[in-house]
C-alpha cells in the first residue's frame, strides 16, 4: 500500500481557520499535496484521509474538484462529434456559426430548377448553430445529421 511508505510532513492537515458554522479551512499547500498523493496509482483515499485526519468523503470531493479544474485548464471538455458519411448532393447548403468566430462559412448551391427545400436548424449546447437547407433527395443526409447530433 502506498500510504505506508510515504515520507509526508503534511499529516495531519493543519487547520488555518474554523468558521462560525464549524467548517474548517486547511493549509492550501498541504491540501494540494494530499490530493496529489491520493492521485498516485495504488493510493488509498480512505487511508490517506485517516492519516490526514479529514473525512474520506470530503477528501474525495477535493479530488473530484481538482480533476474538474484541471480538465477545464487543459481544455479537455471539447466534445467529439463523429463524422458520418452520407449521400452528397450539389443542392445542399450549409451554414455553421461558432460563438468564437465572427464569420460564417457558406456553401452556395448550384442553380437548380425549383424544388421543395427542407430547412434543418440546430443549436448545440456549446453554442454552435447549424443550418442545413436540403432538397427532396437529401433524406439520407438529413437522417445522418440528426443521428450524429443525437449521439452527442
N, C-alpha and C. Protein backbone atom coordinates (compact mmCIF):
# COMPACT_ATOMS: atom_id res chain seq x y z
N UNK A 1 0.85 -1.18 0.00
CA UNK A 1 0.00 0.00 0.00
C UNK A 1 0.89 1.23 0.00
N UNK A 2 0.53 2.20 -0.77
CA UNK A 2 1.36 3.38 -0.94
C UNK A 2 1.35 4.28 0.30
N UNK A 3 0.32 4.22 1.11
CA UNK A 3 0.23 5.13 2.26
C UNK A 3 1.25 4.79 3.34
N UNK A 4 1.77 3.58 3.35
CA UNK A 4 2.72 3.19 4.39
C UNK A 4 4.13 3.68 4.12
N UNK A 5 4.52 3.83 2.86
CA UNK A 5 5.90 4.17 2.55
C UNK A 5 6.08 5.62 2.08
N UNK A 6 5.16 6.50 2.45
CA UNK A 6 5.26 7.90 2.05
C UNK A 6 5.87 8.70 3.19
N UNK A 7 6.90 9.46 2.85
CA UNK A 7 7.50 10.37 3.81
C UNK A 7 6.76 11.70 3.68
N UNK A 8 5.80 11.91 4.55
CA UNK A 8 4.93 13.07 4.42
C UNK A 8 4.98 13.89 5.69
N UNK A 9 5.22 15.19 5.50
CA UNK A 9 5.20 16.07 6.66
C UNK A 9 3.94 16.93 6.65
N UNK A 10 2.98 16.60 5.77
CA UNK A 10 1.73 17.36 5.73
C UNK A 10 0.64 16.68 6.56
N UNK A 11 0.97 15.56 7.22
CA UNK A 11 -0.02 14.86 8.03
C UNK A 11 0.14 15.22 9.48
N UNK A 12 -0.90 15.42 10.23
CA UNK A 12 -2.25 15.70 9.77
C UNK A 12 -2.32 17.10 9.16
N UNK A 13 -3.36 17.33 8.38
CA UNK A 13 -3.53 18.65 7.76
C UNK A 13 -3.71 19.70 8.85
N UNK A 14 -3.06 20.85 8.65
CA UNK A 14 -3.15 21.92 9.64
C UNK A 14 -4.36 22.79 9.33
N UNK A 15 -5.20 23.00 10.34
CA UNK A 15 -6.38 23.85 10.21
C UNK A 15 -5.93 25.30 10.37
N UNK A 16 -6.25 26.14 9.39
CA UNK A 16 -5.86 27.55 9.47
C UNK A 16 -7.01 28.43 9.95
N UNK A 17 -8.25 27.93 9.84
CA UNK A 17 -9.39 28.72 10.31
C UNK A 17 -10.58 27.80 10.54
N UNK A 18 -11.35 28.10 11.57
CA UNK A 18 -12.62 27.42 11.81
C UNK A 18 -13.70 28.49 11.70
N UNK A 19 -14.63 28.28 10.79
CA UNK A 19 -15.69 29.25 10.56
C UNK A 19 -16.76 29.15 11.64
N UNK A 20 -17.68 30.11 11.65
CA UNK A 20 -18.78 30.11 12.63
C UNK A 20 -19.64 28.87 12.52
N UNK A 21 -19.82 28.38 11.30
CA UNK A 21 -20.66 27.20 11.10
C UNK A 21 -19.92 25.89 11.37
N UNK A 22 -18.67 25.96 11.80
CA UNK A 22 -17.90 24.77 12.14
C UNK A 22 -17.03 24.22 11.03
N UNK A 23 -17.18 24.76 9.83
CA UNK A 23 -16.36 24.28 8.72
C UNK A 23 -14.93 24.74 8.91
N UNK A 24 -14.02 23.87 8.51
CA UNK A 24 -12.60 24.16 8.68
C UNK A 24 -11.96 24.50 7.33
N UNK A 25 -11.01 25.42 7.36
CA UNK A 25 -10.18 25.73 6.20
C UNK A 25 -8.79 25.20 6.50
N UNK A 26 -8.24 24.45 5.54
CA UNK A 26 -6.94 23.83 5.74
C UNK A 26 -5.87 24.58 4.97
N UNK A 27 -4.63 24.33 5.36
CA UNK A 27 -3.50 24.96 4.69
C UNK A 27 -3.50 24.52 3.22
N UNK A 28 -3.57 25.48 2.27
CA UNK A 28 -3.74 25.14 0.85
C UNK A 28 -2.61 24.28 0.27
N UNK A 29 -1.38 24.55 0.65
CA UNK A 29 -0.25 23.79 0.09
C UNK A 29 -0.31 22.34 0.54
N UNK A 30 -0.59 22.12 1.81
CA UNK A 30 -0.67 20.75 2.34
C UNK A 30 -1.88 20.03 1.75
N UNK A 31 -2.98 20.74 1.58
CA UNK A 31 -4.18 20.15 0.99
C UNK A 31 -3.91 19.71 -0.44
N UNK A 32 -3.24 20.56 -1.23
CA UNK A 32 -2.90 20.22 -2.61
C UNK A 32 -1.96 19.01 -2.64
N UNK A 33 -1.00 18.97 -1.72
CA UNK A 33 -0.06 17.84 -1.65
C UNK A 33 -0.80 16.55 -1.33
N UNK A 34 -1.77 16.62 -0.42
CA UNK A 34 -2.56 15.45 -0.07
C UNK A 34 -3.35 14.95 -1.28
N UNK A 35 -3.94 15.86 -2.03
CA UNK A 35 -4.70 15.48 -3.23
C UNK A 35 -3.78 14.82 -4.25
N UNK A 36 -2.59 15.37 -4.45
CA UNK A 36 -1.63 14.79 -5.39
C UNK A 36 -1.20 13.39 -4.95
N UNK A 37 -1.03 13.20 -3.64
CA UNK A 37 -0.67 11.87 -3.14
C UNK A 37 -1.80 10.87 -3.39
N UNK A 38 -3.04 11.32 -3.26
CA UNK A 38 -4.18 10.44 -3.49
C UNK A 38 -4.33 10.06 -4.96
N UNK A 39 -3.82 10.89 -5.85
CA UNK A 39 -3.93 10.62 -7.29
C UNK A 39 -2.88 9.63 -7.78
N UNK A 40 -1.94 9.28 -6.93
CA UNK A 40 -0.92 8.30 -7.33
C UNK A 40 -1.54 6.92 -7.46
N UNK A 41 -1.01 6.10 -8.37
CA UNK A 41 -1.53 4.73 -8.51
C UNK A 41 -1.33 3.95 -7.22
N UNK A 42 -2.36 3.24 -6.82
CA UNK A 42 -2.29 2.40 -5.63
C UNK A 42 -2.57 3.13 -4.33
N UNK A 43 -2.83 4.41 -4.38
CA UNK A 43 -3.09 5.17 -3.16
C UNK A 43 -4.48 4.85 -2.63
N UNK A 44 -4.58 4.74 -1.33
CA UNK A 44 -5.86 4.51 -0.66
C UNK A 44 -6.37 5.85 -0.15
N UNK A 45 -7.47 6.31 -0.73
CA UNK A 45 -8.02 7.60 -0.33
C UNK A 45 -8.49 7.53 1.12
N UNK A 46 -9.11 6.43 1.50
CA UNK A 46 -9.57 6.29 2.88
C UNK A 46 -8.40 6.28 3.85
N UNK A 47 -7.32 5.58 3.48
CA UNK A 47 -6.13 5.54 4.34
C UNK A 47 -5.47 6.90 4.46
N UNK A 48 -5.40 7.62 3.34
CA UNK A 48 -4.82 8.97 3.36
C UNK A 48 -5.68 9.90 4.20
N UNK A 49 -7.00 9.76 4.10
CA UNK A 49 -7.90 10.60 4.89
C UNK A 49 -7.70 10.35 6.38
N UNK A 50 -7.52 9.09 6.75
CA UNK A 50 -7.27 8.77 8.16
C UNK A 50 -5.98 9.41 8.64
N UNK A 51 -4.92 9.30 7.84
CA UNK A 51 -3.64 9.89 8.23
C UNK A 51 -3.72 11.42 8.31
N UNK A 52 -4.48 12.02 7.40
CA UNK A 52 -4.59 13.48 7.37
C UNK A 52 -5.63 13.99 8.36
N UNK A 53 -6.37 13.08 8.96
CA UNK A 53 -7.42 13.40 9.93
C UNK A 53 -8.51 14.27 9.30
N UNK A 54 -8.93 13.88 8.09
CA UNK A 54 -10.06 14.53 7.42
C UNK A 54 -11.05 13.45 7.02
N UNK A 55 -12.28 13.84 6.76
CA UNK A 55 -13.31 12.91 6.34
C UNK A 55 -12.99 12.40 4.93
N UNK A 56 -13.12 11.09 4.73
CA UNK A 56 -12.80 10.49 3.42
C UNK A 56 -13.71 11.04 2.32
N UNK A 57 -14.98 11.26 2.64
CA UNK A 57 -15.89 11.83 1.63
C UNK A 57 -15.47 13.24 1.24
N UNK A 58 -15.00 14.01 2.22
CA UNK A 58 -14.53 15.37 1.93
C UNK A 58 -13.30 15.30 1.03
N UNK A 59 -12.39 14.37 1.32
CA UNK A 59 -11.19 14.23 0.51
C UNK A 59 -11.55 13.82 -0.92
N UNK A 60 -12.52 12.93 -1.08
CA UNK A 60 -12.96 12.53 -2.42
C UNK A 60 -13.54 13.73 -3.18
N UNK A 61 -14.26 14.59 -2.47
CA UNK A 61 -14.81 15.80 -3.10
C UNK A 61 -13.68 16.72 -3.55
N UNK A 62 -12.65 16.89 -2.73
CA UNK A 62 -11.50 17.72 -3.11
C UNK A 62 -10.83 17.17 -4.36
N UNK A 63 -10.69 15.83 -4.41
CA UNK A 63 -10.06 15.19 -5.57
C UNK A 63 -10.90 15.43 -6.83
N UNK A 64 -12.23 15.27 -6.71
CA UNK A 64 -13.12 15.50 -7.85
C UNK A 64 -13.02 16.94 -8.34
N UNK A 65 -13.04 17.90 -7.43
CA UNK A 65 -12.93 19.31 -7.80
C UNK A 65 -11.58 19.61 -8.44
N UNK A 66 -10.53 18.97 -7.93
CA UNK A 66 -9.19 19.16 -8.50
C UNK A 66 -9.15 18.65 -9.94
N UNK A 67 -9.72 17.46 -10.17
CA UNK A 67 -9.74 16.89 -11.53
C UNK A 67 -10.56 17.76 -12.47
N UNK A 68 -11.70 18.26 -12.01
CA UNK A 68 -12.54 19.12 -12.85
C UNK A 68 -11.83 20.41 -13.21
N UNK A 69 -11.14 21.01 -12.25
CA UNK A 69 -10.43 22.26 -12.54
C UNK A 69 -9.27 22.03 -13.49
N UNK A 70 -8.61 20.88 -13.36
CA UNK A 70 -7.53 20.54 -14.28
C UNK A 70 -8.06 20.29 -15.68
N UNK A 71 -9.22 19.67 -15.79
CA UNK A 71 -9.81 19.39 -17.10
C UNK A 71 -10.18 20.69 -17.80
N UNK A 72 -10.69 21.66 -17.06
CA UNK A 72 -11.05 22.95 -17.66
C UNK A 72 -9.80 23.69 -18.10
N UNK A 73 -8.74 23.65 -17.30
CA UNK A 73 -7.50 24.33 -17.64
C UNK A 73 -6.88 23.77 -18.91
N UNK A 74 -6.95 22.46 -19.07
CA UNK A 74 -6.31 21.81 -20.22
C UNK A 74 -7.24 21.72 -21.42
N UNK A 75 -8.47 22.18 -21.29
CA UNK A 75 -9.39 22.20 -22.42
C UNK A 75 -9.85 20.82 -22.85
N UNK A 76 -9.91 19.87 -21.94
CA UNK A 76 -10.30 18.53 -22.33
C UNK A 76 -11.81 18.36 -22.37
N UNK A 77 -12.56 19.44 -22.23
CA UNK A 77 -14.00 19.34 -22.30
C UNK A 77 -14.54 19.49 -23.71
N UNK A 78 -13.65 19.56 -24.67
CA UNK A 78 -14.10 19.69 -26.05
C UNK A 78 -14.86 18.43 -26.45
N UNK A 79 -15.98 18.62 -27.10
CA UNK A 79 -16.83 17.50 -27.48
C UNK A 79 -16.31 16.84 -28.75
N UNK A 80 -16.53 15.55 -28.85
CA UNK A 80 -16.17 14.79 -30.04
C UNK A 80 -17.44 14.55 -30.83
N UNK A 81 -17.43 14.92 -32.06
CA UNK A 81 -18.58 14.70 -32.92
C UNK A 81 -18.15 13.76 -34.03
N UNK A 82 -18.79 12.58 -34.16
CA UNK A 82 -18.38 11.64 -35.19
C UNK A 82 -18.75 12.16 -36.58
N UNK A 83 -17.93 11.80 -37.56
CA UNK A 83 -18.19 12.17 -38.95
C UNK A 83 -19.00 11.04 -39.57
N UNK A 84 -20.11 11.40 -40.17
CA UNK A 84 -20.98 10.42 -40.80
C UNK A 84 -20.96 10.68 -42.30
N UNK A 85 -20.63 9.64 -43.05
CA UNK A 85 -20.57 9.78 -44.50
C UNK A 85 -21.95 9.48 -45.06
N UNK A 86 -22.46 10.39 -45.84
CA UNK A 86 -23.78 10.21 -46.43
C UNK A 86 -23.74 10.47 -47.91
N UNK A 87 -24.90 10.59 -48.50
CA UNK A 87 -25.00 10.86 -49.93
C UNK A 87 -24.74 12.34 -50.14
N UNK A 88 -23.85 12.66 -51.05
CA UNK A 88 -23.50 14.05 -51.33
C UNK A 88 -24.39 14.56 -52.46
N UNK A 89 -24.95 15.71 -52.23
CA UNK A 89 -25.83 16.30 -53.22
C UNK A 89 -25.37 17.73 -53.49
N UNK A 90 -25.36 18.18 -54.74
CA UNK A 90 -24.89 19.53 -55.04
C UNK A 90 -25.86 20.61 -54.57
N UNK A 91 -27.08 20.24 -54.19
CA UNK A 91 -28.06 21.26 -53.82
C UNK A 91 -28.13 21.50 -52.31
N UNK A 92 -27.18 20.96 -51.56
CA UNK A 92 -27.17 21.14 -50.12
C UNK A 92 -26.45 22.43 -49.78
N UNK A 93 -27.07 23.22 -48.92
CA UNK A 93 -26.45 24.45 -48.46
C UNK A 93 -26.27 24.33 -46.95
N UNK A 94 -25.08 24.61 -46.46
CA UNK A 94 -24.82 24.51 -45.03
C UNK A 94 -24.19 25.80 -44.53
N UNK A 95 -24.66 26.26 -43.38
CA UNK A 95 -24.08 27.43 -42.72
C UNK A 95 -23.81 27.03 -41.29
N UNK A 96 -22.57 27.16 -40.85
CA UNK A 96 -22.18 26.82 -39.49
C UNK A 96 -21.59 28.06 -38.85
N UNK A 97 -22.10 28.43 -37.68
CA UNK A 97 -21.54 29.57 -36.96
C UNK A 97 -21.11 29.10 -35.59
N UNK A 98 -19.98 29.57 -35.15
CA UNK A 98 -19.46 29.24 -33.83
C UNK A 98 -19.42 30.51 -33.01
N UNK A 99 -19.57 30.41 -31.68
CA UNK A 99 -19.62 31.61 -30.86
C UNK A 99 -18.33 32.41 -30.85
N UNK A 100 -17.18 31.79 -31.08
CA UNK A 100 -15.90 32.49 -31.02
C UNK A 100 -15.53 33.15 -32.34
N UNK A 101 -16.19 32.77 -33.39
CA UNK A 101 -15.86 33.31 -34.71
C UNK A 101 -16.89 34.37 -35.09
N UNK A 102 -16.45 35.32 -35.89
CA UNK A 102 -17.36 36.36 -36.33
C UNK A 102 -17.87 36.12 -37.74
N UNK A 103 -17.28 35.17 -38.44
CA UNK A 103 -17.71 34.90 -39.81
C UNK A 103 -18.38 33.54 -39.89
N UNK A 104 -19.26 33.39 -40.84
CA UNK A 104 -19.93 32.12 -41.07
C UNK A 104 -19.43 31.54 -42.39
N UNK A 105 -19.38 30.24 -42.45
CA UNK A 105 -18.96 29.57 -43.67
C UNK A 105 -20.22 29.22 -44.45
N UNK A 106 -20.26 29.61 -45.70
CA UNK A 106 -21.45 29.33 -46.52
C UNK A 106 -21.02 28.63 -47.79
N UNK A 107 -21.74 27.60 -48.14
CA UNK A 107 -21.52 26.88 -49.39
C UNK A 107 -22.73 27.16 -50.26
N UNK A 108 -22.51 27.83 -51.37
CA UNK A 108 -23.61 28.20 -52.26
C UNK A 108 -23.97 27.01 -53.14
N UNK A 109 -25.25 26.70 -53.26
CA UNK A 109 -25.67 25.58 -54.10
C UNK A 109 -25.63 25.95 -55.58
N UNK A 110 -25.52 24.92 -56.40
CA UNK A 110 -25.59 25.11 -57.85
C UNK A 110 -27.04 25.47 -58.20
N UNK A 111 -27.24 26.37 -59.15
CA UNK A 111 -28.62 26.71 -59.53
C UNK A 111 -29.33 25.47 -60.06
N UNK A 112 -30.47 25.17 -59.51
CA UNK A 112 -31.26 24.01 -59.88
C UNK A 112 -32.68 24.47 -60.19
N UNK A 113 -33.41 23.69 -60.93
CA UNK A 113 -34.82 24.00 -61.11
C UNK A 113 -35.51 24.02 -59.75
N UNK A 114 -36.61 24.73 -59.64
CA UNK A 114 -37.28 24.88 -58.34
C UNK A 114 -37.70 23.51 -57.80
N UNK A 115 -37.32 23.26 -56.57
CA UNK A 115 -37.64 22.02 -55.87
C UNK A 115 -38.03 22.37 -54.46
N UNK A 116 -38.70 21.47 -53.80
CA UNK A 116 -39.04 21.73 -52.40
C UNK A 116 -37.77 21.60 -51.56
N UNK A 117 -37.61 22.51 -50.61
CA UNK A 117 -36.42 22.56 -49.79
C UNK A 117 -36.83 22.45 -48.33
N UNK A 118 -36.13 21.61 -47.58
CA UNK A 118 -36.36 21.49 -46.14
C UNK A 118 -35.23 22.20 -45.42
N UNK A 119 -35.55 22.89 -44.35
CA UNK A 119 -34.56 23.62 -43.57
C UNK A 119 -34.40 22.93 -42.22
N UNK A 120 -33.17 22.50 -41.92
CA UNK A 120 -32.85 21.89 -40.63
C UNK A 120 -31.97 22.86 -39.88
N UNK A 121 -32.40 23.24 -38.69
CA UNK A 121 -31.65 24.20 -37.89
C UNK A 121 -31.46 23.60 -36.50
N UNK A 122 -30.23 23.67 -35.98
CA UNK A 122 -29.95 23.12 -34.65
C UNK A 122 -28.98 24.03 -33.92
N UNK A 123 -29.21 24.22 -32.63
CA UNK A 123 -28.28 24.97 -31.79
C UNK A 123 -27.76 24.00 -30.74
N UNK A 124 -26.46 23.76 -30.74
CA UNK A 124 -25.85 22.80 -29.84
C UNK A 124 -25.58 23.43 -28.49
N UNK A 125 -25.44 22.63 -27.42
CA UNK A 125 -25.19 23.17 -26.08
C UNK A 125 -23.91 24.00 -25.99
N UNK A 126 -22.94 23.76 -26.86
CA UNK A 126 -21.70 24.53 -26.81
C UNK A 126 -21.80 25.85 -27.56
N UNK A 127 -23.00 26.20 -28.07
CA UNK A 127 -23.20 27.49 -28.71
C UNK A 127 -23.10 27.47 -30.22
N UNK A 128 -22.75 26.35 -30.81
CA UNK A 128 -22.63 26.26 -32.27
C UNK A 128 -24.02 26.12 -32.87
N UNK A 129 -24.29 26.91 -33.90
CA UNK A 129 -25.57 26.85 -34.60
C UNK A 129 -25.34 26.26 -35.99
N UNK A 130 -26.18 25.32 -36.38
CA UNK A 130 -26.05 24.65 -37.68
C UNK A 130 -27.37 24.81 -38.42
N UNK A 131 -27.28 25.21 -39.69
CA UNK A 131 -28.46 25.31 -40.54
C UNK A 131 -28.19 24.56 -41.84
N UNK A 132 -29.11 23.69 -42.21
CA UNK A 132 -28.99 22.94 -43.47
C UNK A 132 -30.24 23.16 -44.30
N UNK A 133 -30.06 23.51 -45.55
CA UNK A 133 -31.18 23.59 -46.49
C UNK A 133 -31.01 22.42 -47.45
N UNK A 134 -31.94 21.48 -47.42
CA UNK A 134 -31.79 20.24 -48.18
C UNK A 134 -32.94 20.07 -49.16
N UNK A 135 -32.60 19.49 -50.30
CA UNK A 135 -33.61 19.17 -51.31
C UNK A 135 -34.30 17.86 -50.97
N UNK A 136 -35.25 17.48 -51.81
CA UNK A 136 -36.05 16.29 -51.53
C UNK A 136 -35.26 14.99 -51.64
N UNK A 137 -34.10 15.01 -52.31
CA UNK A 137 -33.29 13.80 -52.42
C UNK A 137 -32.24 13.70 -51.33
N UNK A 138 -32.29 14.58 -50.34
CA UNK A 138 -31.27 14.60 -49.29
C UNK A 138 -31.75 13.97 -48.00
N UNK A 139 -32.70 13.08 -48.09
CA UNK A 139 -33.23 12.43 -46.89
C UNK A 139 -32.17 11.70 -46.09
N UNK A 140 -31.28 11.00 -46.78
CA UNK A 140 -30.22 10.26 -46.09
C UNK A 140 -29.26 11.20 -45.37
N UNK A 141 -28.96 12.33 -46.00
CA UNK A 141 -28.07 13.31 -45.38
C UNK A 141 -28.70 13.89 -44.12
N UNK A 142 -29.98 14.25 -44.21
CA UNK A 142 -30.68 14.80 -43.05
C UNK A 142 -30.74 13.76 -41.94
N UNK A 143 -31.03 12.52 -42.28
CA UNK A 143 -31.11 11.44 -41.30
C UNK A 143 -29.75 11.26 -40.61
N UNK A 144 -28.67 11.24 -41.39
CA UNK A 144 -27.33 11.09 -40.83
C UNK A 144 -26.98 12.26 -39.92
N UNK A 145 -27.37 13.46 -40.30
CA UNK A 145 -27.09 14.65 -39.50
C UNK A 145 -27.83 14.58 -38.17
N UNK A 146 -29.10 14.19 -38.19
CA UNK A 146 -29.89 14.08 -36.97
C UNK A 146 -29.30 13.01 -36.06
N UNK A 147 -28.91 11.87 -36.62
CA UNK A 147 -28.30 10.81 -35.82
C UNK A 147 -26.99 11.27 -35.19
N UNK A 148 -26.18 12.01 -35.96
CA UNK A 148 -24.90 12.49 -35.43
C UNK A 148 -25.13 13.50 -34.31
N UNK A 149 -26.10 14.37 -34.45
CA UNK A 149 -26.38 15.36 -33.41
C UNK A 149 -26.99 14.70 -32.18
N UNK A 150 -27.80 13.68 -32.38
CA UNK A 150 -28.43 13.00 -31.25
C UNK A 150 -27.47 12.12 -30.49
N UNK A 151 -26.36 11.71 -31.10
CA UNK A 151 -25.40 10.82 -30.44
C UNK A 151 -24.54 11.54 -29.44
N UNK A 152 -24.44 12.84 -29.51
CA UNK A 152 -23.55 13.57 -28.60
C UNK A 152 -24.21 13.99 -27.33
